[in-house]
Amino acid sequence: MANAKCESCKFFDEHKVNGAVAQHDEGLCRFNPPVNQPGPDAHGLWPVVGSSDWCGHYTPEMTAAE
């Protein structure tokens, strides 16, 4: 379970591929759907997670390919 952290997950988006700048060690969880629209005309927000965070969805198959 040493790899059971967000940065090892294939659903972790370090948010750099789209030109955005990551805040500290944070990224976006693309496993879970966007949440809580701030207003009726706003888009949902992807959950923000730390690279060393983890969740109960982890399986070895979810580990990102290196």
N, C-alpha and C. Protein backbone atom coordinates (compact mmCIF):
# COMPACT_ATOMS: atom_id res chain seq x y z
N MET A 1 0.81 -1.20 0.00
CA MET A 1 0.00 0.00 0.00
C MET A 1 0.86 1.26 0.00
N ALA A 2 2.15 1.13 -0.23
CA ALA A 2 3.03 2.31 -0.25
C ALA A 2 2.65 3.27 -1.38
N ASN A 3 2.06 2.75 -2.46
CA ASN A 3 1.66 3.59 -3.58
C ASN A 3 0.26 4.16 -3.43
N ALA A 4 -0.37 3.92 -2.30
CA ALA A 4 -1.75 4.37 -2.10
C ALA A 4 -1.78 5.85 -1.78
N LYS A 5 -1.40 6.66 -2.75
CA LYS A 5 -1.48 8.11 -2.60
C LYS A 5 -1.86 8.71 -3.95
N CYS A 6 -2.44 9.86 -3.90
CA CYS A 6 -3.00 10.46 -5.10
C CYS A 6 -2.00 10.62 -6.25
N GLU A 7 -0.76 11.01 -5.94
CA GLU A 7 0.20 11.23 -7.03
C GLU A 7 0.51 9.95 -7.80
N SER A 8 0.24 8.79 -7.22
CA SER A 8 0.48 7.51 -7.90
C SER A 8 -0.74 7.04 -8.69
N CYS A 9 -1.85 7.71 -8.54
CA CYS A 9 -3.10 7.29 -9.16
C CYS A 9 -3.21 7.80 -10.60
N LYS A 10 -3.71 6.97 -11.49
CA LYS A 10 -3.86 7.39 -12.88
C LYS A 10 -4.95 8.44 -13.05
N PHE A 11 -5.75 8.68 -12.03
CA PHE A 11 -6.80 9.69 -12.09
C PHE A 11 -6.38 11.01 -11.47
N PHE A 12 -5.12 11.11 -11.00
CA PHE A 12 -4.60 12.35 -10.43
C PHE A 12 -4.12 13.24 -11.56
N ASP A 13 -4.64 14.45 -11.61
CA ASP A 13 -4.26 15.43 -12.64
C ASP A 13 -3.45 16.51 -11.94
N GLU A 14 -2.14 16.54 -12.22
CA GLU A 14 -1.32 17.54 -11.55
C GLU A 14 -1.61 18.93 -12.09
N HIS A 15 -2.49 19.01 -13.05
CA HIS A 15 -3.02 20.28 -13.54
C HIS A 15 -1.95 21.08 -14.29
N LYS A 16 -1.01 20.38 -14.92
CA LYS A 16 0.03 21.07 -15.68
C LYS A 16 -0.16 20.90 -17.18
N VAL A 17 -0.83 19.86 -17.61
CA VAL A 17 -0.98 19.60 -19.04
C VAL A 17 -1.83 20.64 -19.75
N ASN A 18 -2.69 21.33 -19.02
CA ASN A 18 -3.53 22.33 -19.66
C ASN A 18 -3.00 23.74 -19.44
N GLY A 19 -1.74 23.85 -19.03
CA GLY A 19 -1.10 25.15 -18.88
C GLY A 19 -1.32 25.80 -17.53
N ALA A 20 -2.10 25.19 -16.68
CA ALA A 20 -2.35 25.76 -15.35
C ALA A 20 -1.14 25.50 -14.45
N VAL A 21 -1.04 26.26 -13.40
CA VAL A 21 0.04 26.11 -12.45
C VAL A 21 -0.49 25.42 -11.19
N ALA A 22 0.15 24.33 -10.80
CA ALA A 22 -0.27 23.61 -9.60
C ALA A 22 0.05 24.44 -8.36
N GLN A 23 -0.81 24.38 -7.39
CA GLN A 23 -0.59 25.05 -6.11
C GLN A 23 0.08 24.06 -5.17
N HIS A 24 1.31 24.33 -4.78
CA HIS A 24 2.05 23.47 -3.87
C HIS A 24 2.08 22.04 -4.42
N ASP A 25 1.54 21.08 -3.71
CA ASP A 25 1.53 19.69 -4.19
C ASP A 25 0.12 19.25 -4.54
N GLU A 26 -0.75 20.20 -4.85
CA GLU A 26 -2.14 19.88 -5.11
C GLU A 26 -2.38 19.51 -6.56
N GLY A 27 -3.45 18.75 -6.77
CA GLY A 27 -3.89 18.39 -8.10
C GLY A 27 -5.38 18.16 -8.07
N LEU A 28 -5.90 17.67 -9.17
CA LEU A 28 -7.34 17.42 -9.28
C LEU A 28 -7.60 15.93 -9.31
N CYS A 29 -8.63 15.50 -8.60
CA CYS A 29 -9.06 14.11 -8.63
C CYS A 29 -10.03 13.94 -9.79
N ARG A 30 -9.64 13.17 -10.80
CA ARG A 30 -10.51 12.93 -11.95
C ARG A 30 -11.27 11.62 -11.81
N PHE A 31 -11.12 10.93 -10.66
CA PHE A 31 -11.90 9.72 -10.41
C PHE A 31 -13.33 10.11 -10.05
N ASN A 32 -13.45 11.09 -9.19
CA ASN A 32 -14.76 11.55 -8.74
C ASN A 32 -15.28 12.66 -9.64
N PRO A 33 -16.58 12.80 -9.77
CA PRO A 33 -17.15 13.84 -10.63
C PRO A 33 -17.00 15.22 -10.02
N PRO A 34 -17.15 16.27 -10.84
CA PRO A 34 -17.14 17.63 -10.31
C PRO A 34 -18.24 17.79 -9.25
N VAL A 35 -18.00 18.68 -8.31
CA VAL A 35 -18.91 18.88 -7.20
C VAL A 35 -19.30 20.34 -7.03
N ASN A 36 -20.37 20.56 -6.28
CA ASN A 36 -20.82 21.87 -5.81
C ASN A 36 -20.64 23.03 -6.77
N GLN A 37 -21.61 23.23 -7.59
CA GLN A 37 -21.59 24.40 -8.45
C GLN A 37 -21.84 25.63 -7.59
N PRO A 38 -20.95 26.64 -7.67
CA PRO A 38 -21.13 27.83 -6.85
C PRO A 38 -22.37 28.64 -7.20
N GLY A 39 -22.85 28.52 -8.40
CA GLY A 39 -24.05 29.24 -8.83
C GLY A 39 -24.69 28.53 -9.99
N PRO A 40 -25.91 28.90 -10.35
CA PRO A 40 -26.61 28.19 -11.42
C PRO A 40 -25.94 28.29 -12.79
N ASP A 41 -25.15 29.33 -13.03
CA ASP A 41 -24.46 29.49 -14.31
C ASP A 41 -23.01 29.03 -14.27
N ALA A 42 -22.57 28.51 -13.14
CA ALA A 42 -21.18 28.10 -12.97
C ALA A 42 -21.00 26.62 -13.29
N HIS A 43 -19.77 26.25 -13.57
CA HIS A 43 -19.42 24.86 -13.80
C HIS A 43 -19.12 24.19 -12.47
N GLY A 44 -19.26 22.87 -12.41
CA GLY A 44 -18.85 22.13 -11.23
C GLY A 44 -17.34 22.18 -11.09
N LEU A 45 -16.85 21.90 -9.91
CA LEU A 45 -15.42 21.95 -9.63
C LEU A 45 -14.90 20.54 -9.33
N TRP A 46 -13.76 20.20 -9.94
CA TRP A 46 -13.14 18.91 -9.66
C TRP A 46 -12.58 18.95 -8.24
N PRO A 47 -12.66 17.86 -7.50
CA PRO A 47 -12.10 17.84 -6.15
C PRO A 47 -10.59 18.10 -6.17
N VAL A 48 -10.13 19.01 -5.31
CA VAL A 48 -8.70 19.31 -5.19
C VAL A 48 -8.14 18.41 -4.10
N VAL A 49 -7.03 17.74 -4.43
CA VAL A 49 -6.38 16.82 -3.48
C VAL A 49 -4.88 17.12 -3.44
N GLY A 50 -4.26 16.74 -2.35
CA GLY A 50 -2.80 16.84 -2.23
C GLY A 50 -2.17 15.59 -2.83
N SER A 51 -0.95 15.72 -3.30
CA SER A 51 -0.30 14.57 -3.94
C SER A 51 -0.09 13.41 -2.98
N SER A 52 0.03 13.69 -1.68
CA SER A 52 0.23 12.60 -0.72
C SER A 52 -1.07 12.17 -0.05
N ASP A 53 -2.21 12.76 -0.47
CA ASP A 53 -3.51 12.31 0.03
C ASP A 53 -3.80 10.91 -0.50
N TRP A 54 -4.81 10.27 0.00
CA TRP A 54 -5.23 8.94 -0.48
C TRP A 54 -6.72 8.80 -0.22
N CYS A 55 -7.33 7.82 -0.87
CA CYS A 55 -8.75 7.58 -0.66
C CYS A 55 -9.02 6.07 -0.64
N GLY A 56 -10.23 5.71 -0.34
CA GLY A 56 -10.61 4.31 -0.26
C GLY A 56 -10.84 3.65 -1.61
N HIS A 57 -10.70 4.39 -2.69
CA HIS A 57 -10.89 3.82 -4.02
C HIS A 57 -9.63 3.14 -4.54
N TYR A 58 -8.51 3.29 -3.83
CA TYR A 58 -7.23 2.80 -4.34
C TYR A 58 -7.21 1.29 -4.55
N THR A 59 -6.72 0.89 -5.71
CA THR A 59 -6.38 -0.50 -6.01
C THR A 59 -5.06 -0.44 -6.80
N PRO A 60 -4.28 -1.49 -6.81
CA PRO A 60 -3.03 -1.48 -7.59
C PRO A 60 -3.29 -1.18 -9.08
N GLU A 61 -4.45 -1.54 -9.60
CA GLU A 61 -4.76 -1.29 -11.01
C GLU A 61 -4.92 0.21 -11.30
N MET A 62 -5.17 1.00 -10.28
CA MET A 62 -5.35 2.44 -10.47
C MET A 62 -4.04 3.19 -10.46
N THR A 63 -2.93 2.50 -10.23
CA THR A 63 -1.64 3.14 -10.21
C THR A 63 -1.29 3.60 -11.62
N ALA A 64 -0.81 4.84 -11.72
CA ALA A 64 -0.46 5.42 -13.01
C ALA A 64 0.71 4.67 -13.63
N ALA A 65 0.67 4.50 -14.94
CA ALA A 65 1.79 3.89 -15.66
C ALA A 65 2.95 4.86 -15.68
N GLU A 66 4.12 4.36 -15.48
CA GLU A 66 5.30 5.24 -15.45
C GLU A 66 5.96 5.31 -16.79
